[in-house]
Protein backbone atom coordinates (compact mmCIF):
# COMPACT_ATOMS: atom_id res chain seq x y z
CA MET A 1 24.07 32.93 13.30
CA PRO A 2 26.93 30.96 11.65
CA LYS A 3 26.41 30.20 8.01
CA LEU A 4 25.59 26.56 7.16
CA THR A 5 26.88 25.41 3.85
CA PHE A 6 25.53 22.31 2.15
CA ASN A 7 23.82 21.27 -1.03
CA VAL A 8 20.88 19.07 -1.59
CA SER A 9 20.73 16.76 -4.55
CA PRO A 10 18.65 17.79 -7.57
CA GLU A 11 16.46 14.72 -6.98
CA CYS A 12 15.20 16.05 -3.70
CA PHE A 13 11.75 17.60 -3.47
CA SER A 14 11.93 21.38 -4.08
CA ALA A 15 15.68 21.27 -4.42
CA ASN A 16 15.70 24.53 -6.34
CA ASP A 17 13.19 26.32 -4.12
CA GLU A 18 15.20 29.04 -2.29
CA VAL A 19 12.29 29.66 0.21
CA ILE A 20 12.22 26.00 1.32
CA LEU A 21 16.04 25.91 1.48
CA LYS A 22 16.10 29.01 3.64
CA ALA A 23 13.41 27.58 5.91
CA PHE A 24 15.35 24.32 6.22
CA LYS A 25 18.54 26.21 7.17
CA GLN A 26 16.52 28.10 9.85
CA HIS A 27 15.13 24.81 11.15
CA LEU A 28 18.72 23.43 11.47
CA HIS A 29 19.73 26.67 13.26
CA ASN A 30 16.86 26.18 15.65
CA TYR A 31 18.21 22.83 16.56
CA LYS A 32 21.74 24.40 16.96
CA VAL A 33 23.33 22.62 14.07
CA LYS A 34 26.81 24.12 13.71
CA SER A 35 28.11 22.24 10.62
CA MET A 36 26.96 19.83 8.01
CA GLY A 37 30.54 19.00 6.94
CA GLN A 38 30.61 15.50 8.37
CA ALA A 39 27.06 14.54 7.32
CA PRO A 40 26.87 12.12 4.43
CA GLN A 41 24.97 13.56 1.35
CA GLU A 42 22.28 10.92 1.80
CA LEU A 43 21.51 12.02 5.28
CA ILE A 44 21.33 15.69 4.11
CA ASP A 45 18.99 14.74 1.30
CA CYS A 46 16.78 12.61 3.54
CA ALA A 47 16.48 15.29 6.19
CA PHE A 48 15.63 17.89 3.55
CA ASP A 49 12.99 15.65 1.93
CA LEU A 50 11.41 14.91 5.33
CA PHE A 51 11.36 18.62 6.17
CA HIS A 52 9.68 19.36 2.84
CA ILE A 53 7.16 16.60 3.23
CA THR A 54 6.31 17.55 6.86
CA ARG A 55 5.86 21.22 5.97
CA THR A 56 3.66 20.40 2.96
CA GLN A 57 1.51 17.98 4.94
CA ALA A 58 1.10 20.47 7.83
CA ARG A 59 -0.06 23.14 5.40
CA SER A 60 -2.54 20.66 3.75
CA ILE A 61 -3.91 19.64 7.12
CA ARG A 62 -4.42 23.28 8.19
CA GLN A 63 -6.34 23.91 4.98
CA LEU A 64 -8.50 20.78 5.54
CA GLU A 65 -9.22 21.83 9.16
CA VAL A 66 -10.34 25.28 7.90
CA LYS A 67 -12.45 23.66 5.25
CA LEU A 68 -14.14 21.39 7.81
CA GLY A 69 -14.64 24.21 10.29
CA ILE A 70 -12.35 22.71 12.89
CA ARG A 71 -9.86 25.60 12.72
CA PRO A 72 -10.70 29.16 12.24
CA GLU A 73 -9.58 30.72 8.95
CA GLU A 74 -6.18 32.46 9.33
CA ARG A 75 -6.32 36.21 8.70
CA LYS A 76 -3.61 37.77 6.72
CA PRO A 77 -2.13 40.99 8.11
CA ALA A 78 -3.39 44.16 6.37
């Protein structure tokens, strides 16, 4: 997997969260992004914020579904 190098602006949600940054890079690799060199900083920041928001909302929705009994509770491996 080639290494993607880019920075997100400090104003972005979770800009200093290494776990989110790693997940975002993995997401870009899944979509076969080879380079971020030509992307404007604003586009990178927007994509990162949208990734963060989507991930956070998906987690909240799952928790709500468990609470309402729509989705079974996820078991953590022992």
